[in-house]
Structures are given as C-alpha cells and as structure tokens.
Protein backbone atom coordinates (compact mmCIF):
# COMPACT_ATOMS: atom_id res chain seq x y z
CA UNK A 1 95.14 77.35 -21.09
CA UNK A 2 93.59 78.83 -24.21
CA UNK A 3 90.33 80.75 -23.88
CA UNK A 4 88.23 77.95 -25.40
CA UNK A 5 89.81 75.44 -22.98
CA UNK A 6 89.06 77.72 -20.02
CA UNK A 7 85.43 78.15 -21.08
CA UNK A 8 85.09 74.38 -21.53
CA UNK A 9 86.66 73.65 -18.14
CA UNK A 10 84.49 76.21 -16.33
CA UNK A 11 81.37 74.76 -17.98
CA UNK A 12 82.35 71.23 -16.95
CA UNK A 13 82.88 72.35 -13.37
CA UNK A 14 79.54 74.17 -13.35
CA UNK A 15 77.63 71.11 -14.56
CA UNK A 16 79.43 68.74 -12.20
CA UNK A 17 79.21 70.92 -9.10
CA UNK A 18 75.65 72.17 -9.56
CA UNK A 19 74.40 68.59 -9.53
CA UNK A 20 76.21 67.95 -6.25
CA UNK A 21 75.16 71.28 -4.83
CA UNK A 22 71.47 70.88 -5.58
CA UNK A 23 71.45 67.25 -4.46
CA UNK A 24 73.29 67.53 -1.15
CA UNK A 25 74.80 70.87 -0.16
CA UNK A 26 72.35 73.71 -0.74
CA UNK A 27 69.84 72.68 1.93
CA UNK A 28 72.54 71.98 4.49
CA UNK A 29 74.23 75.31 3.73
CA UNK A 30 70.99 77.21 4.31
CA UNK A 31 70.27 75.33 7.55
CA UNK A 32 73.82 75.74 8.84
CA UNK A 33 74.09 79.49 8.35
CA UNK A 34 70.47 80.61 8.79
CA UNK A 35 70.37 83.28 11.45
CA UNK A 36 74.15 83.76 11.58
CA UNK A 37 73.78 87.46 10.84
CA UNK A 38 71.48 89.52 13.08
CA UNK A 39 70.72 93.20 12.72
CA UNK A 40 68.93 95.77 14.91
CA UNK A 41 65.28 96.32 14.01
CA UNK A 42 63.53 98.43 16.69
CA UNK A 43 63.09 99.16 20.39
CA UNK A 44 59.82 98.26 22.17
CA UNK A 45 58.56 97.95 25.77
CA UNK A 46 59.68 94.87 27.67
CA UNK A 47 57.29 91.90 27.61
CA UNK A 48 57.24 88.89 29.88
CA UNK A 49 59.61 86.27 28.53
CA UNK A 50 61.98 88.69 26.77
CA UNK A 51 65.68 87.97 27.25
CA UNK A 52 67.39 90.17 29.83
CA UNK A 53 70.40 90.62 27.54
CA UNK A 54 68.16 92.38 25.00
CA UNK A 55 67.30 95.24 27.39
CA UNK A 56 68.22 98.70 26.11
CA UNK A 57 69.54 100.19 29.34
CA UNK A 58 69.84 103.74 28.03
CA UNK A 59 66.20 103.94 26.97
CA UNK A 60 65.12 102.06 30.10
CA UNK A 61 66.84 104.67 32.30
CA UNK A 62 65.38 107.56 30.29
CA UNK A 63 61.74 106.41 30.45
CA UNK A 64 62.01 104.58 33.78
CA UNK A 65 60.48 101.43 32.37
CA UNK A 66 62.19 98.51 30.63
CA UNK A 67 62.67 98.52 26.86
CA UNK A 68 64.24 95.79 24.73
CA UNK A 69 66.07 95.79 21.40
CA UNK A 70 64.37 93.72 18.72
CA UNK A 71 66.77 91.92 16.38
CA UNK A 72 65.95 90.32 13.06
CA UNK A 73 67.81 87.89 10.86
CA UNK A 74 69.80 89.48 8.08
CA UNK A 75 68.53 88.20 4.79
CA UNK A 76 71.94 87.81 3.21
CA UNK A 77 75.41 86.74 4.26
CA UNK A 78 78.80 87.33 2.70
CA UNK A 79 81.07 84.44 1.77
CA UNK A 80 84.78 85.08 1.22
CA UNK A 81 86.98 82.54 -0.56
CA UNK A 82 90.69 82.90 0.27
CA UNK A 83 92.78 80.89 -2.20
CA UNK A 84 96.50 80.21 -1.90
CA UNK A 85 98.15 80.65 -5.32
CA UNK A 86 101.70 79.77 -4.28
CA UNK A 87 103.37 77.37 -6.72
CA UNK A 88 102.82 74.26 -4.60
CA UNK A 89 99.08 74.60 -5.26
CA UNK A 90 99.65 74.19 -9.01
CA UNK A 91 100.52 70.53 -8.56
CA UNK A 92 98.95 67.09 -8.83
CA UNK A 93 100.12 63.56 -9.53
CA UNK A 94 97.03 61.37 -9.82
CA UNK A 95 93.51 62.77 -9.95
CA UNK A 96 93.78 66.48 -10.72
CA UNK A 97 95.77 69.58 -9.91
CA UNK A 98 95.14 71.16 -6.52
CA UNK A 99 93.96 74.35 -8.25
CA UNK A 100 91.32 72.36 -10.20
CA UNK A 101 90.10 70.69 -7.02
CA UNK A 102 89.89 74.07 -5.29
CA UNK A 103 87.94 75.49 -8.24
CA UNK A 104 85.35 72.70 -7.91
CA UNK A 105 84.93 73.20 -4.16
CA UNK A 106 84.71 76.97 -4.63
CA UNK A 107 82.03 76.42 -7.28
CA UNK A 108 79.96 74.22 -4.95
CA UNK A 109 80.21 76.74 -2.13
CA UNK A 110 79.49 79.61 -4.50
CA UNK A 111 76.37 78.02 -5.99
CA UNK A 112 75.17 77.14 -2.47
CA UNK A 113 75.57 80.78 -1.49
CA UNK A 114 73.87 81.97 -4.70
CA UNK A 115 70.93 79.69 -3.95
CA UNK A 116 70.62 81.43 -0.60
CA UNK A 117 70.89 84.89 -2.24
CA UNK A 118 74.26 85.51 -0.52
CA UNK A 119 77.23 87.41 -1.88
CA UNK A 120 80.55 85.72 -2.70
CA UNK A 121 83.99 87.32 -2.94
CA UNK A 122 87.50 86.07 -3.72
CA UNK A 123 91.01 86.84 -2.47
CA UNK A 124 94.03 85.29 -4.21
CA UNK A 125 97.20 85.34 -2.14
CA UNK A 126 100.71 83.95 -1.81
CA UNK A 127 103.47 86.08 -0.27
CA UNK A 128 100.98 88.97 -0.58
CA UNK A 129 97.45 89.56 -1.82
CA UNK A 130 97.47 89.42 -5.62
CA UNK A 131 93.82 89.80 -6.60
CA UNK A 132 90.54 90.71 -4.95
CA UNK A 133 87.07 90.19 -6.43
CA UNK A 134 84.54 92.07 -4.26
CA UNK A 135 81.49 90.13 -3.05
CA UNK A 136 78.59 90.03 -5.46
CA UNK A 137 75.60 87.81 -6.22
CA UNK A 138 74.66 85.66 -9.17
CA UNK A 139 75.65 82.77 -11.39
CA UNK A 140 77.84 84.82 -13.75
CA UNK A 141 79.81 86.12 -10.80
CA UNK A 142 80.43 82.57 -9.52
CA UNK A 143 81.59 81.48 -12.99
CA UNK A 144 83.99 84.43 -13.06
CA UNK A 145 85.45 83.33 -9.72
CA UNK A 146 85.93 79.76 -10.98
CA UNK A 147 87.70 81.05 -14.10
CA UNK A 148 89.94 83.31 -12.02
CA UNK A 149 91.07 80.42 -9.80
CA UNK A 150 91.81 78.22 -12.82
CA UNK A 151 93.74 80.84 -14.79
CA UNK A 152 95.66 82.61 -12.02
CA UNK A 153 99.44 82.82 -12.31
CA UNK A 154 100.64 80.58 -9.50
CA UNK A 155 103.56 82.28 -7.77
CA UNK A 156 106.98 80.80 -6.83
CA UNK A 157 106.79 82.31 -3.34
CA UNK A 158 106.09 81.26 0.23
CA UNK A 159 102.41 81.56 1.15
CA UNK A 160 101.71 84.00 3.98
CA UNK A 161 98.32 82.96 5.32
CA UNK A 162 98.39 85.45 8.18
CA UNK A 163 98.93 88.34 5.75
CA UNK A 164 95.88 87.26 3.73
CA UNK A 165 93.72 87.09 6.87
CA UNK A 166 95.01 90.46 8.06
CA UNK A 167 94.12 92.03 4.71
CA UNK A 168 90.64 90.52 4.71
CA UNK A 169 89.88 91.72 8.25
CA UNK A 170 91.05 95.21 7.34
CA UNK A 171 88.88 95.46 4.23
CA UNK A 172 85.79 93.40 5.12
CA UNK A 173 84.51 94.64 8.46
CA UNK A 174 81.20 92.79 8.46
CA UNK A 175 81.14 89.23 9.81
CA UNK A 176 81.56 86.81 6.90
CA UNK A 177 81.78 83.11 6.16
CA UNK A 178 85.46 82.61 5.32
CA UNK A 179 86.72 79.54 3.47
CA UNK A 180 90.50 79.36 3.18
CA UNK A 181 92.14 76.99 0.67
CA UNK A 182 95.85 76.14 1.05
CA UNK A 183 98.21 73.21 1.44
CA UNK A 184 99.49 74.98 4.59
CA UNK A 185 103.08 74.03 3.80
CA UNK A 186 104.44 77.34 5.08
CA UNK A 187 104.71 78.88 8.53
CA UNK A 188 102.15 81.41 9.78
CA UNK A 189 101.26 83.43 12.87
CA UNK A 190 98.63 81.45 14.81
CA UNK A 191 97.56 84.65 16.59
CA UNK A 192 96.09 85.84 13.30
CA UNK A 193 93.99 82.66 13.10
CA UNK A 194 92.50 83.47 16.49
CA UNK A 195 91.82 87.08 15.52
CA UNK A 196 90.15 86.06 12.24
CA UNK A 197 88.05 83.35 13.89
CA UNK A 198 86.87 85.79 16.54
CA UNK A 199 85.62 88.22 13.90
CA UNK A 200 84.50 85.79 11.16
CA UNK A 201 83.34 82.20 10.79
CA UNK A 202 86.48 80.52 9.48
CA UNK A 203 87.02 77.14 7.84
CA UNK A 204 90.53 76.16 6.77
CA UNK A 205 90.82 73.51 4.07
CA UNK A 206 94.16 71.78 3.64
CA UNK A 207 94.27 70.68 0.00
CA UNK A 208 96.84 67.95 -0.53
CA UNK A 209 98.06 65.39 -3.04
CA UNK A 210 98.99 61.92 -1.80
CA UNK A 211 102.62 62.58 -2.75
CA UNK A 212 102.65 65.53 -0.31
CA UNK A 213 102.49 63.03 2.54
CA UNK A 214 104.51 60.10 1.27
CA UNK A 215 107.29 59.95 -1.32
CA UNK A 216 107.57 56.64 -3.25
CA UNK A 217 110.75 54.63 -3.73
CA UNK A 218 112.19 55.96 -7.00
CA UNK A 219 115.89 55.76 -6.08
CA UNK A 220 118.12 58.82 -6.07
CA UNK A 221 116.11 61.80 -7.24
CA UNK A 222 116.34 65.57 -7.26
CA UNK A 223 113.60 67.16 -5.15
CA UNK A 224 112.60 70.70 -6.03
CA UNK A 225 110.72 73.22 -3.87
CA UNK A 226 108.51 75.15 -6.29
CA UNK A 227 108.08 78.03 -3.82
CA UNK A 228 111.65 78.67 -2.69
CA UNK A 229 113.56 77.19 -5.64
CA UNK A 230 115.66 75.01 -3.33
CA UNK A 231 116.85 71.65 -4.66
CA UNK A 232 118.16 68.60 -2.80
CA UNK A 233 119.20 65.11 -3.83
CA UNK A 234 117.51 62.36 -1.83
CA UNK A 235 117.82 58.59 -1.73
CA UNK A 236 114.15 57.66 -1.73
CA UNK A 237 115.10 53.97 -1.65
CA UNK A 238 116.17 54.51 1.96
CA UNK A 239 113.21 53.27 4.04
CA UNK A 240 114.29 55.31 7.06
CA UNK A 241 114.36 58.52 4.98
CA UNK A 242 110.84 57.85 3.62
CA UNK A 243 109.56 57.05 7.12
CA UNK A 244 111.02 60.24 8.59
CA UNK A 245 109.49 62.32 5.79
CA UNK A 246 106.03 60.79 6.30
CA UNK A 247 106.24 61.23 10.08
CA UNK A 248 107.26 64.88 9.71
CA UNK A 249 104.19 65.48 7.52
CA UNK A 250 101.92 63.79 10.07
CA UNK A 251 103.38 65.93 12.84
CA UNK A 252 102.84 69.07 10.78
CA UNK A 253 99.19 68.09 10.20
CA UNK A 254 98.62 67.45 13.92
CA UNK A 255 100.05 70.87 14.76
CA UNK A 256 97.83 72.49 12.12
CA UNK A 257 94.68 70.81 13.45
CA UNK A 258 95.63 71.89 16.97
CA UNK A 259 96.16 75.51 15.89
CA UNK A 260 92.72 75.69 14.29
CA UNK A 261 91.05 74.01 17.28
CA UNK A 262 92.75 76.41 19.71
CA UNK A 263 91.62 79.32 17.53
CA UNK A 264 87.96 78.15 17.59
CA UNK A 265 88.16 77.78 13.80
CA UNK A 266 87.08 74.76 11.76
CA UNK A 267 89.46 72.62 9.69
CA UNK A 268 89.17 69.99 6.96
CA UNK A 269 91.95 67.83 5.50
CA UNK A 270 91.05 67.21 1.83
CA UNK A 271 92.82 64.86 -0.57
CA UNK A 272 92.39 65.84 -4.25
CA UNK A 273 90.82 62.42 -4.79
CA UNK A 274 88.30 62.70 -1.95
CA UNK A 275 84.58 63.46 -2.22
CA UNK A 276 84.51 67.09 -1.08
CA UNK A 277 80.69 67.23 -1.13
CA UNK A 278 80.50 64.62 1.64
CA UNK A 279 83.10 66.46 3.73
CA UNK A 280 81.30 69.79 3.32
CA UNK A 281 77.91 68.19 4.02
CA UNK A 282 79.26 66.83 7.32
CA UNK A 283 80.76 70.24 8.15
CA UNK A 284 77.45 72.04 7.50
CA UNK A 285 75.59 69.49 9.64
CA UNK A 286 77.78 70.30 12.64
CA UNK A 287 77.24 74.08 12.41
C-alpha cells in the first residue's frame, strides 16, 4: 500500500467503526468491564455489614480490634491487542482480507476503550514477537494501531500463540483485557492459555475465511501453505477428499473451543463476512 492508500483506508475504517462503536458497543463495553480493576484505598475500623474477607488481620492483631481494607474501582483499564501476522492472516477470497477484518475489530475495541478513558496496546506476533506498541490513550493512538495492523509485513512462519502470551505476561504485569486475533491454524501449548487466563481477562478470536473450512471443487490443483512453504497436489473433485478436509477443520475448531473453555478463557469464531459488532455486543453482555 502507498501512504495515501493507507491514510484513506484508516480513515474509512475509523468512520465505519466509530458509528458501530457509538451505536452499540461503547455502552456495553463500559458495563461489562466496570469494576474489573480494584485498588487499595485505605484501612478503617470494621463496621457491621463489612465483608469478612476484607479484614486486615495484621492491623486487627496489632490494635486488638477489627479493621477492614477499603477498595475502590480503578478508573482506567488496559486493553492489549495480540495480532497474529503469520502469512495465513494476509488472505481472503470473498469479502476482505483477514488483516482488514482484524483492523476493523481492533478499531471498534480501541474506540470503545478510548471512550472509557482506557489505555490500548498492541503486540504483533508470528513465530516470535515482531512489534510492540505500549498502551496509551487517545484517538491518534488508536489510528496508529489500525495503520500498524494494515501495513505490517505478514511473515511466512508458523504462529506461536503461546510465545506471544508468555511475552505479554512477562512484560505487562497488571491485569489487562486481552484480545487475541488469529486463525489458530498452528499448534500451541494449552497450558499457556490457562496461565494467561488466570492472570488476565482473555478473549480469543478465530478469524477465518470460508475457504479455510471448505475447499470447492476446482479439479486438480496445487495447494500452497503460506506459512511453511509446503505444496501438495490435490484432486478437489474427489468428494471424499473434500469431506475429510471439512471434517478435519470442524474437529480442529471443536478442540480449540474446548481448550479455551477448559482454560476459563472466552472464544469467538468470526467469519470475515460476519457482523463483528453483534458478536462483540453479545460477548460484552455476558461479562
């Protein structure tokens, strides 16, 4: 993309997503995550009705009367966007490229966070972490994130989701809202999902094109894996071959959903032609 094309695309995404954000998502985002972050405020004498779990036992023992810790809601949260930039994400056959779809969703989430005065950061990863934009506030920062997603060099390498999560947990100690975008075509360590979900609020979004799930009948064709470079000839006219491929993809999706559920993390399966605002609205409602 040339610079003028990038600017035009970012502006189009801003206009399109801000309408959706203001109309449906911003209120739900604020309601869903209000009170997620709590911080210590003060210690005061126990009053009838105070929760037992709030008792400060050290001070209680010292003064021989019960004291409780007073907590208050943190005024701001941190949102981290983890975006897979392996080559399979730079792909699309019908509506738009996966990267463009991700950029729109990231924009909607970012503007929702900005409307709540929250910080937003970005991590681009594939076989390793390639770029990190530290969390900041503001419209210009969100536009910079959108531009970065659109213009990133998508890498011919296997995506290592667990490595990205490990990096994020090592750098960002404070509990964050983590949104991970990937097609989840590559293997990962499910233990890292559990560790990340225990420390942060994690939502995995599988971004897919219809052709990821089902290959049409186009006769003998050469199939190319953009991440590994492997090539195979396949007879797509063979109904059994197409059926087996589709079933394998369904099985992979079921295993992915099960991994996220077992890790106490949330998961959304998002076709590049689907209305992401509706899916996110429903997700926020359940939080």
